[in-house]
Amino acid sequence: QRTTCISASFEQGTIAFEIDIDPPLCSVFGNLHGGAASTI
């Protein structure tokens, strides 16, 4: 729900996304949790 595809290239095999890192994705210390980063 927080992710948007901003570009995609079949020829290059690449896709770029943007995502807002909101507090539910973060650890108690306020940074992106490793598990959330892995899931992203």
PDB file of all heavy atoms in Angstrom:
ATOM      1  N   GLN A   1       0.819  -1.213   0.000  1.00  0.00           N
ATOM      2  CA  GLN A   1       0.000   0.000   0.000  1.00  0.00           C
ATOM      3  C   GLN A   1       0.853   1.263   0.000  1.00  0.00           C
ATOM      4  O   GLN A   1       0.406   2.312  -0.427  1.00  0.00           O
ATOM      5  CB  GLN A   1      -0.933   0.006   1.214  1.00  0.00           C
ATOM      6  CG  GLN A   1      -2.010  -1.040   1.130  1.00  0.00           C
ATOM      7  CD  GLN A   1      -2.690  -1.313   2.457  1.00  0.00           C
ATOM      8  OE1 GLN A   1      -2.386  -0.696   3.468  1.00  0.00           O
ATOM      9  NE2 GLN A   1      -3.613  -2.259   2.449  1.00  0.00           N
ATOM     10  N   ARG A   2       2.079   1.172   0.466  1.00  0.00           N
ATOM     11  CA  ARG A   2       2.971   2.338   0.558  1.00  0.00           C
ATOM     12  C   ARG A   2       3.883   2.461  -0.663  1.00  0.00           C
ATOM     13  O   ARG A   2       4.694   3.369  -0.738  1.00  0.00           O
ATOM     14  CB  ARG A   2       3.847   2.220   1.805  1.00  0.00           C
ATOM     15  CG  ARG A   2       3.094   2.329   3.106  1.00  0.00           C
ATOM     16  CD  ARG A   2       4.006   1.952   4.277  1.00  0.00           C
ATOM     17  NE  ARG A   2       3.438   2.280   5.559  1.00  0.00           N
ATOM     18  CZ  ARG A   2       2.500   1.593   6.181  1.00  0.00           C
ATOM     19  NH1 ARG A   2       1.980   0.521   5.618  1.00  0.00           N
ATOM     20  NH2 ARG A   2       2.057   1.966   7.355  1.00  0.00           N
ATOM     21  N   THR A   3       3.803   1.529  -1.608  1.00  0.00           N
ATOM     22  CA  THR A   3       4.759   1.432  -2.706  1.00  0.00           C
ATOM     23  C   THR A   3       4.154   1.874  -4.027  1.00  0.00           C
ATOM     24  O   THR A   3       3.012   1.561  -4.333  1.00  0.00           O
ATOM     25  CB  THR A   3       5.256  -0.022  -2.837  1.00  0.00           C
ATOM     26  OG1 THR A   3       5.809  -0.426  -1.584  1.00  0.00           O
ATOM     27  CG2 THR A   3       6.303  -0.162  -3.910  1.00  0.00           C
ATOM     28  N   THR A   4       4.974   2.573  -4.819  1.00  0.00           N
ATOM     29  CA  THR A   4       4.596   3.008  -6.160  1.00  0.00           C
ATOM     30  C   THR A   4       5.699   2.601  -7.131  1.00  0.00           C
ATOM     31  O   THR A   4       6.882   2.805  -6.835  1.00  0.00           O
ATOM     32  CB  THR A   4       4.444   4.547  -6.215  1.00  0.00           C
ATOM     33  OG1 THR A   4       3.504   4.946  -5.234  1.00  0.00           O
ATOM     34  CG2 THR A   4       3.993   5.013  -7.578  1.00  0.00           C
ATOM     35  N   CYS A   5       5.319   2.053  -8.266  1.00  0.00           N
ATOM     36  CA  CYS A   5       6.283   1.757  -9.323  1.00  0.00           C
ATOM     37  C   CYS A   5       6.532   3.052 -10.085  1.00  0.00           C
ATOM     38  O   CYS A   5       5.590   3.685 -10.564  1.00  0.00           O
ATOM     39  CB  CYS A   5       5.733   0.683 -10.253  1.00  0.00           C
ATOM     40  SG  CYS A   5       6.817   0.338 -11.653  1.00  0.00           S
ATOM     41  N   ILE A   6       7.795   3.465 -10.203  1.00  0.00           N
ATOM     42  CA  ILE A   6       8.095   4.717 -10.903  1.00  0.00           C
ATOM     43  C   ILE A   6       8.711   4.497 -12.279  1.00  0.00           C
ATOM     44  O   ILE A   6       8.650   5.388 -13.126  1.00  0.00           O
ATOM     45  CB  ILE A   6       8.974   5.658 -10.053  1.00  0.00           C
ATOM     46  CG1 ILE A   6      10.270   4.981  -9.637  1.00  0.00           C
ATOM     47  CG2 ILE A   6       8.199   6.131  -8.826  1.00  0.00           C
ATOM     48  CD1 ILE A   6      11.254   5.929  -8.967  1.00  0.00           C
ATOM     49  N   SER A   7       9.299   3.324 -12.525  1.00  0.00           N
ATOM     50  CA  SER A   7       9.804   3.021 -13.868  1.00  0.00           C
ATOM     51  C   SER A   7      10.027   1.523 -13.996  1.00  0.00           C
ATOM     52  O   SER A   7      10.246   0.825 -13.008  1.00  0.00           O
ATOM     53  CB  SER A   7      11.105   3.776 -14.153  1.00  0.00           C
ATOM     54  OG  SER A   7      12.156   3.284 -13.352  1.00  0.00           O
ATOM     55  N   ALA A   8       9.962   1.058 -15.236  1.00  0.00           N
ATOM     56  CA  ALA A   8      10.190  -0.353 -15.525  1.00  0.00           C
ATOM     57  C   ALA A   8      10.746  -0.477 -16.935  1.00  0.00           C
ATOM     58  O   ALA A   8      10.296   0.223 -17.842  1.00  0.00           O
ATOM     59  CB  ALA A   8       8.894  -1.146 -15.396  1.00  0.00           C
ATOM     60  N   SER A   9      11.721  -1.369 -17.106  1.00  0.00           N
ATOM     61  CA  SER A   9      12.311  -1.604 -18.416  1.00  0.00           C
ATOM     62  C   SER A   9      12.453  -3.100 -18.651  1.00  0.00           C
ATOM     63  O   SER A   9      13.242  -3.764 -17.976  1.00  0.00           O
ATOM     64  CB  SER A   9      13.688  -0.930 -18.517  1.00  0.00           C
ATOM     65  OG  SER A   9      14.358  -1.357 -19.698  1.00  0.00           O
ATOM     66  N   PHE A  10      11.702  -3.611 -19.610  1.00  0.00           N
ATOM     67  CA  PHE A  10      11.784  -5.020 -19.987  1.00  0.00           C
ATOM     68  C   PHE A  10      13.180  -5.320 -20.534  1.00  0.00           C
ATOM     69  O   PHE A  10      13.784  -6.330 -20.200  1.00  0.00           O
ATOM     70  CB  PHE A  10      10.716  -5.339 -21.036  1.00  0.00           C
ATOM     71  CG  PHE A  10      10.704  -6.769 -21.475  1.00  0.00           C
ATOM     72  CD1 PHE A  10       9.987  -7.712 -20.763  1.00  0.00           C
ATOM     73  CD2 PHE A  10      11.408  -7.176 -22.596  1.00  0.00           C
ATOM     74  CE1 PHE A  10       9.966  -9.044 -21.164  1.00  0.00           C
ATOM     75  CE2 PHE A  10      11.396  -8.499 -23.006  1.00  0.00           C
ATOM     76  CZ  PHE A  10      10.670  -9.431 -22.288  1.00  0.00           C
ATOM     77  N   GLU A  11      13.681  -4.433 -21.373  1.00  0.00           N
ATOM     78  CA  GLU A  11      14.974  -4.643 -22.020  1.00  0.00           C
ATOM     79  C   GLU A  11      16.118  -4.716 -21.011  1.00  0.00           C
ATOM     80  O   GLU A  11      17.041  -5.510 -21.160  1.00  0.00           O
ATOM     81  CB  GLU A  11      15.262  -3.520 -23.037  1.00  0.00           C
ATOM     82  CG  GLU A  11      14.299  -3.487 -24.210  1.00  0.00           C
ATOM     83  CD  GLU A  11      12.928  -2.886 -23.876  1.00  0.00           C
ATOM     84  OE1 GLU A  11      12.818  -2.134 -22.866  1.00  0.00           O
ATOM     85  OE2 GLU A  11      11.967  -3.179 -24.603  1.00  0.00           O
ATOM     86  N   GLN A  12      16.077  -3.884 -20.004  1.00  0.00           N
ATOM     87  CA  GLN A  12      17.132  -3.874 -18.990  1.00  0.00           C
ATOM     88  C   GLN A  12      16.832  -4.799 -17.815  1.00  0.00           C
ATOM     89  O   GLN A  12      17.710  -5.061 -17.001  1.00  0.00           O
ATOM     90  CB  GLN A  12      17.352  -2.453 -18.476  1.00  0.00           C
ATOM     91  CG  GLN A  12      17.883  -1.522 -19.546  1.00  0.00           C
ATOM     92  CD  GLN A  12      18.028  -0.098 -19.035  1.00  0.00           C
ATOM     93  OE1 GLN A  12      17.410   0.296 -18.051  1.00  0.00           O
ATOM     94  NE2 GLN A  12      18.847   0.673 -19.718  1.00  0.00           N
ATOM     95  N   GLY A  13      15.596  -5.281 -17.704  1.00  0.00           N
ATOM     96  CA  GLY A  13      15.217  -6.149 -16.589  1.00  0.00           C
ATOM     97  C   GLY A  13      15.219  -5.415 -15.265  1.00  0.00           C
ATOM     98  O   GLY A  13      15.594  -5.977 -14.237  1.00  0.00           O
ATOM     99  N   THR A  14      14.783  -4.153 -15.297  1.00  0.00           N
ATOM    100  CA  THR A  14      14.817  -3.336 -14.080  1.00  0.00           C
ATOM    101  C   THR A  14      13.456  -2.733 -13.772  1.00  0.00           C
ATOM    102  O   THR A  14      12.665  -2.458 -14.674  1.00  0.00           O
ATOM    103  CB  THR A  14      15.835  -2.184 -14.216  1.00  0.00           C
ATOM    104  OG1 THR A  14      15.463  -1.364 -15.328  1.00  0.00           O
ATOM    105  CG2 THR A  14      17.244  -2.706 -14.400  1.00  0.00           C
ATOM    106  N   ILE A  15      13.208  -2.555 -12.486  1.00  0.00           N
ATOM    107  CA  ILE A  15      12.035  -1.826 -12.016  1.00  0.00           C
ATOM    108  C   ILE A  15      12.493  -0.967 -10.842  1.00  0.00           C
ATOM    109  O   ILE A  15      13.271  -1.424  -9.997  1.00  0.00           O
ATOM    110  CB  ILE A  15      10.897  -2.750 -11.543  1.00  0.00           C
ATOM    111  CG1 ILE A  15      10.476  -3.733 -12.622  1.00  0.00           C
ATOM    112  CG2 ILE A  15       9.682  -1.919 -11.099  1.00  0.00           C
ATOM    113  CD1 ILE A  15       9.424  -4.735 -12.195  1.00  0.00           C
ATOM    114  N   ALA A  16      12.008   0.273 -10.805  1.00  0.00           N
ATOM    115  CA  ALA A  16      12.291   1.171  -9.678  1.00  0.00           C
ATOM    116  C   ALA A  16      10.980   1.504  -8.986  1.00  0.00           C
ATOM    117  O   ALA A  16       9.951   1.723  -9.643  1.00  0.00           O
ATOM    118  CB  ALA A  16      12.977   2.439 -10.166  1.00  0.00           C
ATOM    119  N   PHE A  17      11.024   1.520  -7.673  1.00  0.00           N
ATOM    120  CA  PHE A  17       9.856   1.803  -6.847  1.00  0.00           C
ATOM    121  C   PHE A  17      10.201   2.925  -5.869  1.00  0.00           C
ATOM    122  O   PHE A  17      11.373   3.169  -5.582  1.00  0.00           O
ATOM    123  CB  PHE A  17       9.466   0.572  -6.018  1.00  0.00           C
ATOM    124  CG  PHE A  17       9.194  -0.669  -6.800  1.00  0.00           C
ATOM    125  CD1 PHE A  17      10.213  -1.570  -7.083  1.00  0.00           C
ATOM    126  CD2 PHE A  17       7.916  -0.961  -7.247  1.00  0.00           C
ATOM    127  CE1 PHE A  17       9.968  -2.735  -7.784  1.00  0.00           C
ATOM    128  CE2 PHE A  17       7.658  -2.120  -7.961  1.00  0.00           C
ATOM    129  CZ  PHE A  17       8.685  -3.011  -8.229  1.00  0.00           C
ATOM    130  N   GLU A  18       9.168   3.546  -5.338  1.00  0.00           N
ATOM    131  CA  GLU A  18       9.324   4.448  -4.194  1.00  0.00           C
ATOM    132  C   GLU A  18       8.383   3.958  -3.111  1.00  0.00           C
ATOM    133  O   GLU A  18       7.283   3.482  -3.399  1.00  0.00           O
ATOM    134  CB  GLU A  18       9.000   5.891  -4.572  1.00  0.00           C
ATOM    135  CG  GLU A  18      10.060   6.532  -5.431  1.00  0.00           C
ATOM    136  CD  GLU A  18       9.780   7.986  -5.758  1.00  0.00           C
ATOM    137  OE1 GLU A  18       8.688   8.501  -5.411  1.00  0.00           O
ATOM    138  OE2 GLU A  18      10.660   8.613  -6.381  1.00  0.00           O
ATOM    139  N   ILE A  19       8.850   4.080  -1.864  1.00  0.00           N
ATOM    140  CA  ILE A  19       8.043   3.637  -0.733  1.00  0.00           C
ATOM    141  C   ILE A  19       8.305   4.562   0.449  1.00  0.00           C
ATOM    142  O   ILE A  19       9.442   4.971   0.685  1.00  0.00           O
ATOM    143  CB  ILE A  19       8.330   2.152  -0.362  1.00  0.00           C
ATOM    144  CG1 ILE A  19       7.454   1.690   0.816  1.00  0.00           C
ATOM    145  CG2 ILE A  19       9.791   1.918  -0.112  1.00  0.00           C
ATOM    146  CD1 ILE A  19       7.507   0.196   1.087  1.00  0.00           C
ATOM    147  N   ASP A  20       7.233   4.892   1.144  1.00  0.00           N
ATOM    148  CA  ASP A  20       7.336   5.689   2.363  1.00  0.00           C
ATOM    149  C   ASP A  20       7.580   4.753   3.543  1.00  0.00           C
ATOM    150  O   ASP A  20       6.824   3.798   3.746  1.00  0.00           O
ATOM    151  CB  ASP A  20       6.048   6.483   2.603  1.00  0.00           C
ATOM    152  CG  ASP A  20       5.825   7.543   1.540  1.00  0.00           C
ATOM    153  OD1 ASP A  20       6.794   8.262   1.228  1.00  0.00           O
ATOM    154  OD2 ASP A  20       4.703   7.638   1.024  1.00  0.00           O
ATOM    155  N   ILE A  21       8.626   5.022   4.288  1.00  0.00           N
ATOM    156  CA  ILE A  21       8.953   4.207   5.456  1.00  0.00           C
ATOM    157  C   ILE A  21       8.239   4.820   6.660  1.00  0.00           C
ATOM    158  O   ILE A  21       8.718   5.761   7.278  1.00  0.00           O
ATOM    159  CB  ILE A  21      10.479   4.135   5.682  1.00  0.00           C
ATOM    160  CG1 ILE A  21      11.183   3.620   4.419  1.00  0.00           C
ATOM    161  CG2 ILE A  21      10.797   3.277   6.899  1.00  0.00           C
ATOM    162  CD1 ILE A  21      10.714   2.247   3.941  1.00  0.00           C
ATOM    163  N   ASP A  22       7.077   4.294   6.943  1.00  0.00           N
ATOM    164  CA  ASP A  22       6.253   4.787   8.041  1.00  0.00           C
ATOM    165  C   ASP A  22       6.571   4.023   9.326  1.00  0.00           C
ATOM    166  O   ASP A  22       7.116   2.914   9.283  1.00  0.00           O
ATOM    167  CB  ASP A  22       4.769   4.640   7.685  1.00  0.00           C
ATOM    168  CG  ASP A  22       4.363   5.555   6.533  1.00  0.00           C
ATOM    169  OD1 ASP A  22       5.025   6.592   6.339  1.00  0.00           O
ATOM    170  OD2 ASP A  22       3.394   5.222   5.836  1.00  0.00           O
ATOM    171  N   PRO A  23       6.209   4.577  10.479  1.00  0.00           N
ATOM    172  CA  PRO A  23       6.534   3.952  11.767  1.00  0.00           C
ATOM    173  C   PRO A  23       6.165   2.476  11.905  1.00  0.00           C
ATOM    174  O   PRO A  23       6.933   1.727  12.534  1.00  0.00           O
ATOM    175  CB  PRO A  23       5.788   4.821  12.781  1.00  0.00           C
ATOM    176  CG  PRO A  23       5.803   6.181  12.147  1.00  0.00           C
ATOM    177  CD  PRO A  23       5.605   5.908  10.668  1.00  0.00           C
ATOM    178  N   PRO A  24       5.050   1.978  11.335  1.00  0.00           N
ATOM    179  CA  PRO A  24       4.779   0.542  11.503  1.00  0.00           C
ATOM    180  C   PRO A  24       5.844  -0.376  10.899  1.00  0.00           C
ATOM    181  O   PRO A  24       5.902  -1.547  11.223  1.00  0.00           O
ATOM    182  CB  PRO A  24       3.438   0.341  10.785  1.00  0.00           C
ATOM    183  CG  PRO A  24       2.799   1.686  10.788  1.00  0.00           C
ATOM    184  CD  PRO A  24       3.930   2.669  10.694  1.00  0.00           C
ATOM    185  N   LEU A  25       6.698   0.169  10.020  1.00  0.00           N
ATOM    186  CA  LEU A  25       7.766  -0.632   9.410  1.00  0.00           C
ATOM    187  C   LEU A  25       9.077  -0.512  10.184  1.00  0.00           C
ATOM    188  O   LEU A  25      10.078  -1.102   9.791  1.00  0.00           O
ATOM    189  CB  LEU A  25       7.997  -0.185   7.961  1.00  0.00           C
ATOM    190  CG  LEU A  25       6.796  -0.289   7.023  1.00  0.00           C
ATOM    191  CD1 LEU A  25       7.152   0.282   5.654  1.00  0.00           C
ATOM    192  CD2 LEU A  25       6.319  -1.727   6.908  1.00  0.00           C
ATOM    193  N   CYS A  26       9.048   0.231  11.278  1.00  0.00           N
ATOM    194  CA  CYS A  26      10.284   0.566  11.989  1.00  0.00           C
ATOM    195  C   CYS A  26      10.382  -0.127  13.346  1.00  0.00           C
ATOM    196  O   CYS A  26       9.386  -0.541  13.932  1.00  0.00           O
ATOM    197  CB  CYS A  26      10.370   2.082  12.173  1.00  0.00           C
ATOM    198  SG  CYS A  26      10.522   2.929  10.574  1.00  0.00           S
ATOM    199  N   SER A  27      11.619  -0.193  13.825  1.00  0.00           N
ATOM    200  CA  SER A  27      11.885  -0.752  15.146  1.00  0.00           C
ATOM    201  C   SER A  27      11.519   0.276  16.215  1.00  0.00           C
ATOM    202  O   SER A  27      11.185   1.422  15.917  1.00  0.00           O
ATOM    203  CB  SER A  27      13.374  -1.103  15.266  1.00  0.00           C
ATOM    204  OG  SER A  27      14.136   0.091  15.344  1.00  0.00           O
ATOM    205  N   VAL A  28      11.639  -0.119  17.457  1.00  0.00           N
ATOM    206  CA  VAL A  28      11.373   0.768  18.579  1.00  0.00           C
ATOM    207  C   VAL A  28      12.326   1.969  18.563  1.00  0.00           C
ATOM    208  O   VAL A  28      12.037   3.009  19.126  1.00  0.00           O
ATOM    209  CB  VAL A  28      11.439  -0.017  19.912  1.00  0.00           C
ATOM    210  CG1 VAL A  28      12.858  -0.490  20.176  1.00  0.00           C
ATOM    211  CG2 VAL A  28      10.910   0.795  21.068  1.00  0.00           C
ATOM    212  N   PHE A  29      13.444   1.855  17.871  1.00  0.00           N
ATOM    213  CA  PHE A  29      14.423   2.930  17.781  1.00  0.00           C
ATOM    214  C   PHE A  29      14.124   3.916  16.654  1.00  0.00           C
ATOM    215  O   PHE A  29      14.848   4.887  16.468  1.00  0.00           O
ATOM    216  CB  PHE A  29      15.827   2.353  17.616  1.00  0.00           C
ATOM    217  CG  PHE A  29      16.196   1.436  18.738  1.00  0.00           C
ATOM    218  CD1 PHE A  29      16.271   0.077  18.535  1.00  0.00           C
ATOM    219  CD2 PHE A  29      16.425   1.934  20.017  1.00  0.00           C
ATOM    220  CE1 PHE A  29      16.581  -0.784  19.574  1.00  0.00           C
ATOM    221  CE2 PHE A  29      16.736   1.084  21.066  1.00  0.00           C
ATOM    222  CZ  PHE A  29      16.813  -0.277  20.851  1.00  0.00           C
ATOM    223  N   GLY A  30      13.052   3.643  15.879  1.00  0.00           N
ATOM    224  CA  GLY A  30      12.620   4.582  14.847  1.00  0.00           C
ATOM    225  C   GLY A  30      13.279   4.419  13.491  1.00  0.00           C
ATOM    226  O   GLY A  30      13.148   5.295  12.635  1.00  0.00           O
ATOM    227  N   ASN A  31      13.969   3.299  13.283  1.00  0.00           N
ATOM    228  CA  ASN A  31      14.553   3.059  11.963  1.00  0.00           C
ATOM    229  C   ASN A  31      13.950   1.795  11.349  1.00  0.00           C
ATOM    230  O   ASN A  31      13.422   0.941  12.045  1.00  0.00           O
ATOM    231  CB  ASN A  31      16.081   2.981  12.037  1.00  0.00           C
ATOM    232  CG  ASN A  31      16.574   1.940  13.004  1.00  0.00           C
ATOM    233  OD1 ASN A  31      15.891   1.592  13.953  1.00  0.00           O
ATOM    234  ND2 ASN A  31      17.760   1.429  12.779  1.00  0.00           N
ATOM    235  N   LEU A  32      14.047   1.718  10.009  1.00  0.00           N
ATOM    236  CA  LEU A  32      13.470   0.586   9.278  1.00  0.00           C
ATOM    237  C   LEU A  32      13.968  -0.727   9.877  1.00  0.00           C
ATOM    238  O   LEU A  32      15.172  -0.959   9.996  1.00  0.00           O
ATOM    239  CB  LEU A  32      13.851   0.685   7.800  1.00  0.00           C
ATOM    240  CG  LEU A  32      13.355  -0.425   6.888  1.00  0.00           C
ATOM    241  CD1 LEU A  32      11.826  -0.480   6.865  1.00  0.00           C
ATOM    242  CD2 LEU A  32      13.896  -0.214   5.471  1.00  0.00           C
ATOM    243  N   HIS A  33      13.033  -1.568  10.277  1.00  0.00           N
ATOM    244  CA  HIS A  33      13.341  -2.866  10.867  1.00  0.00           C
ATOM    245  C   HIS A  33      13.929  -3.774   9.786  1.00  0.00           C
ATOM    246  O   HIS A  33      13.484  -3.749   8.639  1.00  0.00           O
ATOM    247  CB  HIS A  33      12.052  -3.476  11.431  1.00  0.00           C
ATOM    248  CG  HIS A  33      12.275  -4.682  12.259  1.00  0.00           C
ATOM    249  ND1 HIS A  33      12.531  -5.916  11.711  1.00  0.00           N
ATOM    250  CD2 HIS A  33      12.292  -4.856  13.603  1.00  0.00           C
ATOM    251  CE1 HIS A  33      12.676  -6.797  12.680  1.00  0.00           C
ATOM    252  NE2 HIS A  33      12.541  -6.169  13.846  1.00  0.00           N
ATOM    253  N   GLY A  34      14.919  -4.565  10.145  1.00  0.00           N
ATOM    254  CA  GLY A  34      15.544  -5.478   9.192  1.00  0.00           C
ATOM    255  C   GLY A  34      14.562  -6.458   8.577  1.00  0.00           C
ATOM    256  O   GLY A  34      14.653  -6.797   7.403  1.00  0.00           O
ATOM    257  N   GLY A  35      13.595  -6.911   9.371  1.00  0.00           N
ATOM    258  CA  GLY A  35      12.573  -7.823   8.836  1.00  0.00           C
ATOM    259  C   GLY A  35      11.689  -7.127   7.826  1.00  0.00           C
ATOM    260  O   GLY A  35      11.318  -7.713   6.805  1.00  0.00           O
ATOM    261  N   ALA A  36      11.355  -5.869   8.091  1.00  0.00           N
ATOM    262  CA  ALA A  36      10.547  -5.101   7.136  1.00  0.00           C
ATOM    263  C   ALA A  36      11.349  -4.834   5.876  1.00  0.00           C
ATOM    264  O   ALA A  36      10.830  -4.945   4.757  1.00  0.00           O
ATOM    265  CB  ALA A  36      10.076  -3.792   7.764  1.00  0.00           C
ATOM    266  N   ALA A  37      12.631  -4.494   6.014  1.00  0.00           N
ATOM    267  CA  ALA A  37      13.486  -4.275   4.842  1.00  0.00           C
ATOM    268  C   ALA A  37      13.578  -5.553   4.013  1.00  0.00           C
ATOM    269  O   ALA A  37      13.491  -5.512   2.772  1.00  0.00           O
ATOM    270  CB  ALA A  37      14.877  -3.813   5.267  1.00  0.00           C
ATOM    271  N   SER A  38      13.720  -6.690   4.680  1.00  0.00           N
ATOM    272  CA  SER A  38      13.789  -7.974   3.969  1.00  0.00           C
ATOM    273  C   SER A  38      12.486  -8.256   3.224  1.00  0.00           C
ATOM    274  O   SER A  38      12.508  -8.730   2.086  1.00  0.00           O
ATOM    275  CB  SER A  38      14.088  -9.105   4.954  1.00  0.00           C
ATOM    276  OG  SER A  38      15.360  -8.921   5.534  1.00  0.00           O
ATOM    277  N   THR A  39      11.360  -7.949   3.854  1.00  0.00           N
ATOM    278  CA  THR A  39      10.070  -8.168   3.206  1.00  0.00           C
ATOM    279  C   THR A  39       9.898  -7.227   2.020  1.00  0.00           C
ATOM    280  O   THR A  39       9.414  -7.642   0.962  1.00  0.00           O
ATOM    281  CB  THR A  39       8.918  -8.002   4.206  1.00  0.00           C
ATOM    282  OG1 THR A  39       9.102  -8.932   5.274  1.00  0.00           O
ATOM    283  CG2 THR A  39       7.572  -8.257   3.546  1.00  0.00           C
ATOM    284  N   ILE A  40      10.286  -5.971   2.181  1.00  0.00           N
ATOM    285  CA  ILE A  40      10.219  -5.019   1.062  1.00  0.00           C
ATOM    286  C   ILE A  40      11.020  -5.561  -0.115  1.00  0.00           C
ATOM    287  O   ILE A  40      10.529  -5.613  -1.255  1.00  0.00           O
ATOM    288  CB  ILE A  40      10.750  -3.633   1.485  1.00  0.00           C
ATOM    289  CG1 ILE A  40       9.780  -2.959   2.458  1.00  0.00           C
ATOM    290  CG2 ILE A  40      11.007  -2.744   0.260  1.00  0.00           C
ATOM    291  CD1 ILE A  40      10.351  -1.730   3.159  1.00  0.00           C
TER     292      ILE A  40
END
